[in-house]
N, C-alpha and C. Protein backbone atom coordinates (compact mmCIF):
# COMPACT_ATOMS: atom_id res chain seq x y z
N MET A 1 0.95 -1.13 0.14
CA MET A 1 0.02 0.02 0.31
C MET A 1 0.86 1.14 -0.16
N ALA A 2 1.78 1.12 0.78
CA ALA A 2 2.88 2.21 0.71
C ALA A 2 3.50 2.85 -0.59
N ASN A 3 3.70 1.57 -1.49
CA ASN A 3 4.36 1.44 -3.07
C ASN A 3 3.39 2.25 -3.79
N VAL A 4 2.14 1.98 -3.45
CA VAL A 4 0.56 2.80 -4.14
C VAL A 4 1.10 4.02 -4.21
N VAL A 5 0.75 4.49 -2.85
CA VAL A 5 0.79 5.71 -2.28
C VAL A 5 1.85 6.81 -2.99
N PHE A 6 2.92 5.98 -2.45
CA PHE A 6 4.72 6.45 -3.20
C PHE A 6 4.11 7.21 -4.88
N ARG A 7 4.00 5.75 -5.84
CA ARG A 7 3.72 6.08 -6.96
C ARG A 7 3.05 6.94 -7.57
N LYS A 8 1.60 7.61 -6.24
CA LYS A 8 0.48 8.94 -6.64
C LYS A 8 1.27 9.90 -6.52
N LEU A 9 1.87 9.71 -5.23
CA LEU A 9 2.86 10.86 -4.99
C LEU A 9 3.85 11.65 -5.76
N SER A 10 4.21 10.20 -6.38
CA SER A 10 5.55 10.59 -7.39
C SER A 10 5.15 11.44 -8.21
N ALA A 11 3.74 10.50 -9.10
CA ALA A 11 2.83 10.84 -10.19
C ALA A 11 2.58 12.50 -10.05
N LEU A 12 2.04 12.88 -9.14
CA LEU A 12 1.60 14.02 -8.94
C LEU A 12 2.71 15.24 -8.87
N ALA A 13 3.68 15.19 -8.47
CA ALA A 13 5.16 15.63 -8.22
C ALA A 13 5.60 15.82 -9.21
N GLY A 14 5.66 15.00 -10.43
CA GLY A 14 6.05 15.21 -11.21
C GLY A 14 5.25 15.89 -12.32
N ALA A 15 3.82 15.91 -11.94
CA ALA A 15 3.07 16.76 -13.01
C ALA A 15 3.03 18.38 -12.86
N LEU A 16 3.18 18.20 -11.48
CA LEU A 16 3.68 19.43 -11.06
C LEU A 16 4.35 20.53 -11.31
N ALA A 17 5.90 19.56 -11.95
CA ALA A 17 6.94 20.40 -12.04
C ALA A 17 7.07 20.69 -13.56
N CYS A 18 6.32 19.76 -14.53
CA CYS A 18 5.67 19.79 -15.57
C CYS A 18 5.16 20.60 -16.06
N ALA A 19 4.21 20.89 -15.24
CA ALA A 19 3.15 22.02 -15.55
C ALA A 19 3.87 23.61 -14.74
N GLY A 20 4.83 23.86 -13.83
CA GLY A 20 5.76 24.82 -13.19
C GLY A 20 6.99 24.81 -14.64
N LEU A 21 6.87 24.51 -15.53
CA LEU A 21 8.19 24.47 -16.16
C LEU A 21 7.45 25.19 -17.62
N LEU A 22 5.93 24.63 -17.92
CA LEU A 22 5.41 25.10 -18.70
C LEU A 22 4.48 26.60 -18.90
N ALA A 23 4.54 26.86 -17.26
CA ALA A 23 4.25 27.81 -16.87
C ALA A 23 4.86 29.12 -16.76
N ALA A 24 6.67 28.64 -16.82
CA ALA A 24 7.53 29.31 -16.63
C ALA A 24 8.04 29.83 -18.24
N CYS A 25 7.55 28.78 -19.18
CA CYS A 25 7.88 29.22 -20.59
C CYS A 25 7.13 30.53 -21.29
N GLY A 26 6.02 31.38 -20.55
CA GLY A 26 5.41 32.25 -20.85
C GLY A 26 4.46 31.83 -22.04
N GLY A 27 4.20 31.34 -22.80
CA GLY A 27 3.51 31.28 -23.67
C GLY A 27 3.48 30.80 -25.39
N GLY A 28 4.56 31.40 -25.34
CA GLY A 28 5.21 30.79 -26.72
C GLY A 28 4.51 31.59 -27.88
N GLY A 29 5.23 31.66 -29.16
CA GLY A 29 5.11 31.79 -30.22
C GLY A 29 5.08 33.91 -30.43
N GLY A 30 4.83 33.99 -31.45
CA GLY A 30 5.58 35.52 -31.74
C GLY A 30 6.91 35.98 -31.76
N HIS A 31 7.66 37.34 -31.87
CA HIS A 31 8.35 37.09 -31.67
C HIS A 31 8.89 38.56 -30.51
N PRO A 32 9.79 38.20 -29.03
CA PRO A 32 10.21 38.73 -28.29
C PRO A 32 10.45 40.42 -28.54
N GLY A 33 9.73 41.11 -27.81
CA GLY A 33 10.09 42.69 -28.42
C GLY A 33 8.93 43.06 -29.10
N THR A 34 8.45 42.74 -30.31
CA THR A 34 7.87 43.15 -31.11
C THR A 34 6.32 43.53 -30.65
N SER A 35 5.63 44.34 -30.92
CA SER A 35 4.30 44.52 -30.39
C SER A 35 3.04 44.47 -31.76
N THR A 36 1.89 44.17 -31.78
CA THR A 36 1.31 44.11 -33.16
C THR A 36 0.75 45.46 -33.51
N THR A 37 0.68 45.93 -32.45
CA THR A 37 0.61 47.69 -32.53
C THR A 37 1.86 48.80 -33.52
N ASP A 38 3.21 48.04 -33.32
CA ASP A 38 3.87 48.75 -33.66
C ASP A 38 4.22 48.12 -35.24
N PRO A 39 4.22 49.62 -35.62
CA PRO A 39 4.57 49.68 -37.26
C PRO A 39 5.87 48.96 -38.03
N ASP A 40 5.32 48.14 -39.00
CA ASP A 40 6.25 46.97 -39.27
C ASP A 40 8.07 48.07 -40.15
N PRO A 41 8.53 47.40 -39.37
CA PRO A 41 9.93 48.14 -39.46
C PRO A 41 10.47 47.98 -40.94
N ASN A 42 9.95 46.77 -41.32
CA ASN A 42 10.53 46.84 -43.03
C ASN A 42 9.74 47.77 -43.89
N THR A 43 8.38 48.62 -43.61
CA THR A 43 7.57 49.27 -43.99
C THR A 43 8.23 50.43 -44.84
N PRO A 44 8.46 51.13 -45.84
CA PRO A 44 8.74 52.37 -46.56
C PRO A 44 8.61 53.28 -45.22
N LYS A 45 9.38 54.39 -45.38
CA LYS A 45 9.15 55.61 -44.41
C LYS A 45 8.90 56.69 -45.49
N ALA A 46 7.85 56.69 -46.47
CA ALA A 46 7.34 57.38 -47.15
C ALA A 46 6.30 58.49 -46.48
N ALA A 47 6.77 59.95 -46.75
CA ALA A 47 5.65 60.88 -46.44
C ALA A 47 5.38 61.57 -47.51
N SER A 48 5.64 61.53 -49.15
CA SER A 48 5.45 62.17 -50.01
C SER A 48 5.17 61.56 -51.18
N VAL A 49 4.19 61.48 -52.09
CA VAL A 49 4.49 61.23 -53.30
C VAL A 49 3.72 62.02 -54.25
N LEU A 50 4.92 62.72 -55.46
CA LEU A 50 4.43 63.68 -56.34
C LEU A 50 4.16 62.69 -57.87
N VAL A 51 3.07 63.14 -58.41
CA VAL A 51 2.73 62.37 -59.16
C VAL A 51 2.71 63.07 -60.29
N THR A 52 3.34 62.79 -61.54
CA THR A 52 3.70 63.74 -62.73
C THR A 52 3.01 62.85 -63.85
N SER A 53 3.13 63.86 -65.15
CA SER A 53 2.69 62.51 -65.84
C SER A 53 3.36 63.52 -67.22
N SER A 54 3.43 62.50 -68.43
CA SER A 54 4.16 62.81 -69.63
C SER A 54 3.28 63.52 -70.64
N SER A 55 2.17 64.08 -70.45
CA SER A 55 0.98 64.94 -71.15
C SER A 55 -0.33 65.30 -70.18
N ASP A 56 -0.44 66.63 -70.54
CA ASP A 56 -1.69 66.58 -69.46
C ASP A 56 -3.41 66.61 -70.31
N THR A 57 -2.70 66.19 -71.58
CA THR A 57 -3.78 65.54 -72.49
C THR A 57 -4.02 63.90 -73.04
N ILE A 58 -4.97 63.49 -73.27
CA ILE A 58 -4.91 62.16 -73.63
C ILE A 58 -6.15 62.34 -75.16
N ALA A 59 -6.01 61.26 -75.94
CA ALA A 59 -6.30 60.92 -76.99
C ALA A 59 -7.74 60.10 -76.24
N ALA A 60 -9.06 61.26 -76.87
CA ALA A 60 -9.87 60.10 -76.23
C ALA A 60 -10.90 58.94 -76.95
N SER A 61 -9.68 58.49 -77.96
CA SER A 61 -10.36 57.53 -78.78
C SER A 61 -9.66 56.22 -78.17
N GLY A 62 -8.92 56.34 -76.79
CA GLY A 62 -8.00 54.95 -76.30
C GLY A 62 -7.73 54.57 -77.52
N VAL A 63 -7.26 54.51 -78.52
CA VAL A 63 -6.19 53.43 -79.82
C VAL A 63 -5.37 53.08 -78.89
N ASP A 64 -4.94 51.77 -78.85
CA ASP A 64 -3.53 51.65 -78.56
C ASP A 64 -2.52 52.76 -78.89
N GLY A 65 -1.27 53.12 -78.01
CA GLY A 65 -0.53 53.55 -78.57
C GLY A 65 -0.39 55.21 -78.08
N THR A 66 -1.86 55.35 -77.53
CA THR A 66 -2.07 56.82 -76.72
C THR A 66 -2.47 57.09 -75.91
N GLU A 67 -1.67 55.73 -74.87
CA GLU A 67 -1.42 56.79 -73.55
C GLU A 67 -0.45 57.21 -72.88
N VAL A 68 -0.72 57.91 -71.55
CA VAL A 68 -0.40 58.86 -71.02
C VAL A 68 0.79 58.04 -70.08
N THR A 69 1.50 58.29 -69.65
CA THR A 69 2.94 57.57 -69.13
C THR A 69 2.53 58.42 -67.65
N ILE A 70 2.11 57.66 -66.34
CA ILE A 70 1.95 58.32 -65.46
C ILE A 70 3.53 58.04 -64.27
N THR A 71 4.07 58.97 -63.57
CA THR A 71 5.24 58.71 -62.57
C THR A 71 4.85 59.15 -61.42
N ALA A 72 5.35 58.17 -60.23
CA ALA A 72 4.87 58.96 -58.92
C ALA A 72 6.80 58.71 -58.46
N THR A 73 6.51 59.68 -57.42
CA THR A 73 7.91 59.93 -56.74
C THR A 73 7.71 59.87 -55.84
N VAL A 74 8.29 59.00 -54.69
CA VAL A 74 8.09 58.86 -53.51
C VAL A 74 9.48 59.16 -52.31
N LYS A 75 8.88 60.32 -51.47
CA LYS A 75 10.11 60.96 -51.06
C LYS A 75 9.81 60.27 -49.21
N ASP A 76 10.83 60.73 -48.42
CA ASP A 76 10.40 60.44 -47.28
C ASP A 76 10.29 61.93 -46.71
N SER A 77 10.54 61.73 -44.73
CA SER A 77 10.19 63.39 -44.55
C SER A 77 11.58 64.23 -44.68
N GLY A 78 12.65 63.36 -45.05
CA GLY A 78 13.57 64.06 -45.56
C GLY A 78 14.21 64.45 -46.71
N ASN A 79 13.02 64.45 -47.62
CA ASN A 79 12.91 65.06 -49.04
C ASN A 79 13.70 63.46 -49.75
N GLN A 80 14.19 62.39 -48.95
CA GLN A 80 15.10 61.33 -49.86
C GLN A 80 14.47 60.11 -49.99
N ALA A 81 14.50 60.13 -51.80
CA ALA A 81 13.98 58.99 -52.45
C ALA A 81 13.90 57.77 -51.37
N VAL A 82 12.65 57.41 -51.65
CA VAL A 82 12.26 56.27 -50.67
C VAL A 82 12.07 54.58 -52.06
N PRO A 83 13.24 53.97 -52.30
CA PRO A 83 13.13 52.55 -52.71
C PRO A 83 12.58 51.66 -52.36
N GLY A 84 11.82 51.03 -52.99
CA GLY A 84 10.83 49.42 -52.60
C GLY A 84 9.55 50.03 -52.22
N ALA A 85 8.83 50.80 -52.27
CA ALA A 85 7.57 51.61 -51.92
C ALA A 85 6.72 50.80 -53.05
N THR A 86 5.68 50.53 -52.67
CA THR A 86 4.53 49.53 -53.25
C THR A 86 3.54 51.20 -53.87
N VAL A 87 3.94 51.70 -54.43
CA VAL A 87 2.20 52.61 -54.80
C VAL A 87 1.59 52.01 -55.82
N LEU A 88 0.30 52.64 -55.07
CA LEU A 88 -0.96 52.43 -55.54
C LEU A 88 -1.38 53.76 -55.56
N PHE A 89 -2.06 53.48 -57.72
CA PHE A 89 -2.41 54.76 -58.16
C PHE A 89 -3.85 54.80 -57.95
N LYS A 90 -4.70 55.71 -58.04
CA LYS A 90 -5.90 56.40 -58.04
C LYS A 90 -6.90 57.41 -58.90
N THR A 91 -7.79 56.87 -59.81
CA THR A 91 -7.88 57.50 -60.74
C THR A 91 -9.32 57.74 -60.69
N THR A 92 -9.66 59.19 -61.55
CA THR A 92 -11.35 58.88 -61.44
C THR A 92 -11.82 58.10 -62.88
N ALA A 93 -11.22 58.06 -63.78
CA ALA A 93 -11.62 57.44 -65.21
C ALA A 93 -10.67 56.70 -65.83
N GLY A 94 -10.74 55.85 -66.80
CA GLY A 94 -9.45 54.99 -67.65
C GLY A 94 -8.85 53.99 -66.37
N THR A 95 -7.80 53.43 -66.97
CA THR A 95 -7.15 52.18 -66.26
C THR A 95 -5.86 52.71 -66.10
N ILE A 96 -5.11 52.72 -65.07
CA ILE A 96 -3.66 52.25 -64.84
C ILE A 96 -2.74 51.16 -64.96
N SER A 97 -2.17 50.73 -65.91
CA SER A 97 -1.00 49.66 -65.56
C SER A 97 -0.77 49.40 -64.66
N ASN A 98 -0.94 48.43 -64.38
CA ASN A 98 0.43 47.50 -62.72
C ASN A 98 0.24 48.51 -61.66
N SER A 99 -0.94 49.08 -61.33
CA SER A 99 -0.88 49.82 -59.73
C SER A 99 -0.16 48.44 -58.89
N GLY A 100 0.14 49.03 -58.36
CA GLY A 100 0.91 48.73 -57.03
C GLY A 100 2.38 47.84 -57.45
N ASN A 101 2.58 48.50 -57.90
CA ASN A 101 4.91 48.00 -58.28
C ASN A 101 5.17 49.41 -57.31
N THR A 102 6.84 48.11 -57.17
CA THR A 102 7.05 49.11 -56.42
C THR A 102 8.32 50.01 -56.78
N THR A 103 8.42 51.19 -56.47
CA THR A 103 9.87 52.21 -56.53
C THR A 103 11.17 51.67 -57.14
N ASP A 104 11.75 52.39 -57.99
CA ASP A 104 13.29 51.93 -58.14
C ASP A 104 13.90 53.03 -57.00
N SER A 105 15.32 52.51 -57.49
CA SER A 105 16.68 53.35 -56.35
C SER A 105 16.15 54.75 -56.26
N SER A 106 15.84 55.30 -56.74
CA SER A 106 14.96 56.95 -57.23
C SER A 106 13.94 57.28 -56.61
N GLY A 107 12.82 56.27 -56.23
CA GLY A 107 12.34 56.64 -55.66
C GLY A 107 10.78 56.47 -56.30
N ARG A 108 10.80 56.07 -57.69
CA ARG A 108 10.29 56.29 -59.18
C ARG A 108 9.15 54.87 -59.27
N VAL A 109 8.25 55.39 -59.91
CA VAL A 109 7.75 54.01 -60.09
C VAL A 109 6.97 54.55 -61.34
N SER A 110 6.74 53.95 -62.82
CA SER A 110 6.08 54.42 -64.19
C SER A 110 4.91 53.68 -64.15
N GLU A 111 4.03 54.11 -65.22
CA GLU A 111 2.70 53.28 -64.88
C GLU A 111 2.22 53.59 -66.29
N LYS A 112 1.15 53.22 -67.04
CA LYS A 112 0.39 54.00 -68.13
C LYS A 112 -1.04 54.38 -68.33
N LEU A 113 -1.65 55.37 -68.35
CA LEU A 113 -2.77 55.57 -68.27
C LEU A 113 -3.62 55.31 -69.84
N SER A 114 -5.29 54.57 -69.69
CA SER A 114 -5.23 54.43 -70.90
C SER A 114 -6.64 54.61 -70.69
N VAL A 115 -7.45 54.83 -71.53
CA VAL A 115 -8.76 55.58 -71.48
C VAL A 115 -9.86 54.93 -72.36
N LYS A 116 -9.14 53.38 -73.06
CA LYS A 116 -9.89 52.44 -73.79
C LYS A 116 -11.02 52.42 -73.34
N GLY A 117 -12.33 52.01 -73.77
CA GLY A 117 -13.28 51.72 -73.49
C GLY A 117 -14.16 52.49 -71.94
N VAL A 118 -13.00 54.16 -71.73
CA VAL A 118 -14.04 54.88 -71.14
C VAL A 118 -15.77 55.16 -71.33
N THR A 119 -16.94 55.04 -70.59
CA THR A 119 -17.86 55.42 -70.64
C THR A 119 -18.54 56.43 -69.69
N VAL A 120 -18.99 57.49 -70.29
CA VAL A 120 -19.40 58.87 -69.03
C VAL A 120 -20.60 59.05 -69.50
N ASN A 121 -21.63 58.53 -68.93
CA ASN A 121 -23.13 59.37 -68.86
C ASN A 121 -23.62 58.76 -70.07
N GLY A 122 -23.43 57.58 -70.35
CA GLY A 122 -23.75 57.13 -72.15
C GLY A 122 -22.91 57.25 -73.13
N VAL A 123 -22.09 58.13 -72.76
CA VAL A 123 -21.09 58.74 -73.93
C VAL A 123 -19.49 57.59 -74.18
N SER A 124 -19.55 57.27 -75.19
CA SER A 124 -18.29 56.27 -74.88
C SER A 124 -17.07 57.14 -75.83
N GLN A 125 -16.19 57.01 -74.67
CA GLN A 125 -14.83 57.71 -74.89
C GLN A 125 -15.20 59.24 -75.45
N PRO A 126 -15.95 60.03 -74.10
CA PRO A 126 -15.84 61.24 -74.21
C PRO A 126 -14.64 62.13 -74.26
N VAL A 127 -14.97 63.51 -75.25
CA VAL A 127 -14.26 64.57 -75.10
C VAL A 127 -14.29 65.72 -74.20
N GLY A 128 -13.42 66.06 -73.32
CA GLY A 128 -13.14 66.95 -72.18
C GLY A 128 -13.53 66.81 -71.30
N LEU A 129 -13.27 65.23 -70.99
CA LEU A 129 -13.28 64.54 -69.66
C LEU A 129 -11.97 65.20 -68.66
N ASP A 130 -12.30 65.67 -67.27
CA ASP A 130 -10.79 65.56 -66.30
C ASP A 130 -10.97 64.52 -65.96
N ILE A 131 -9.87 64.03 -65.70
CA ILE A 131 -9.63 62.77 -65.33
C ILE A 131 -8.51 63.12 -64.01
N LYS A 132 -8.73 62.96 -62.85
CA LYS A 132 -7.87 62.83 -61.77
C LYS A 132 -7.38 61.68 -61.64
N ILE A 133 -5.51 62.31 -61.45
CA ILE A 133 -5.15 61.04 -60.75
C ILE A 133 -4.04 61.12 -59.36
N SER A 134 -4.30 60.62 -58.72
CA SER A 134 -3.15 60.58 -57.29
C SER A 134 -2.65 59.29 -57.04
N ALA A 135 -1.53 59.45 -55.91
CA ALA A 135 -1.36 57.86 -55.57
C ALA A 135 -0.70 57.94 -54.10
N GLY A 136 -0.64 56.35 -53.72
CA GLY A 136 -0.93 56.46 -52.42
C GLY A 136 0.21 54.94 -52.00
N VAL A 137 0.93 54.87 -50.64
CA VAL A 137 1.84 53.92 -50.46
C VAL A 137 1.42 52.88 -49.92
N VAL A 138 0.91 51.32 -50.22
CA VAL A 138 1.10 50.53 -48.90
C VAL A 138 1.79 50.36 -47.61
N GLY A 139 0.65 50.27 -46.71
CA GLY A 139 1.26 50.14 -45.90
C GLY A 139 1.97 51.66 -45.38
N VAL A 140 1.33 52.74 -45.79
CA VAL A 140 2.10 54.28 -44.96
C VAL A 140 0.38 54.84 -45.07
N GLU A 141 0.37 55.04 -43.78
CA GLU A 141 -1.37 56.18 -43.91
C GLU A 141 -0.76 57.61 -43.88
N ASN A 142 -1.95 58.45 -44.64
CA ASN A 142 -1.88 59.88 -44.39
C ASN A 142 -0.18 60.55 -45.42
N VAL A 143 0.15 59.24 -46.22
CA VAL A 143 0.79 60.47 -46.96
C VAL A 143 0.10 61.45 -47.74
N SER A 144 1.57 62.41 -48.03
CA SER A 144 0.75 63.24 -48.62
C SER A 144 0.86 63.07 -50.28
N SER A 145 -0.06 63.34 -51.15
CA SER A 145 -0.09 63.27 -52.85
C SER A 145 -0.72 64.55 -53.34
N ASN A 146 -0.22 64.69 -54.04
CA ASN A 146 -0.83 65.93 -54.90
C ASN A 146 -1.80 64.99 -55.48
N THR A 147 -2.59 65.79 -56.58
CA THR A 147 -3.53 65.41 -57.78
C THR A 147 -3.42 66.59 -58.95
N ILE A 148 -3.10 64.81 -60.31
CA ILE A 148 -2.82 65.71 -61.49
C ILE A 148 -4.00 65.38 -62.26
N THR A 149 -4.58 66.38 -63.26
CA THR A 149 -5.88 66.10 -63.77
C THR A 149 -4.95 66.21 -65.69
N ILE A 150 -5.93 65.22 -66.13
CA ILE A 150 -5.18 65.02 -67.45
C ILE A 150 -6.28 65.00 -68.45
N LYS A 151 -6.68 65.61 -69.57
CA LYS A 151 -7.84 66.26 -69.98
C LYS A 151 -7.98 65.50 -71.33
N THR A 152 -9.27 64.47 -71.74
CA THR A 152 -9.57 64.04 -73.01
C THR A 152 -9.42 64.98 -73.81
N GLN A 153 -8.80 64.25 -75.37
CA GLN A 153 -9.31 65.27 -76.01
C GLN A 153 -9.71 64.29 -77.60
């Protein structure tokens, strides 16, 4: 009988020791020293995006080859280029090719604006339409961006 009590006490002591070790581990997972509310250290520190275009007008016909090049230049708060920033263009009409590409070593990314198939109020490829374009950086809130206007003709 003493052996049975001894075995039960040994098993209980072993279970308590294991529980104590597991409790001391903390809870596991994650990376020590990081918080889910901290910004990702790999996110570019963009402060501004300057949007420019190769032309202030675009052919309303939308014929291939009439696209306009749109360029975004991303800079940090020290006015330095931000390479590797993912830029998303916003447009009120038309299509911007490959929005979501990353900036080069000069902080620039260029895409094409096409108005092929644009219809406004039932008018296909209207002349005199003002297309407004701006840009933002993925993962960066409140980045400053200008808005440019390109007119169909």
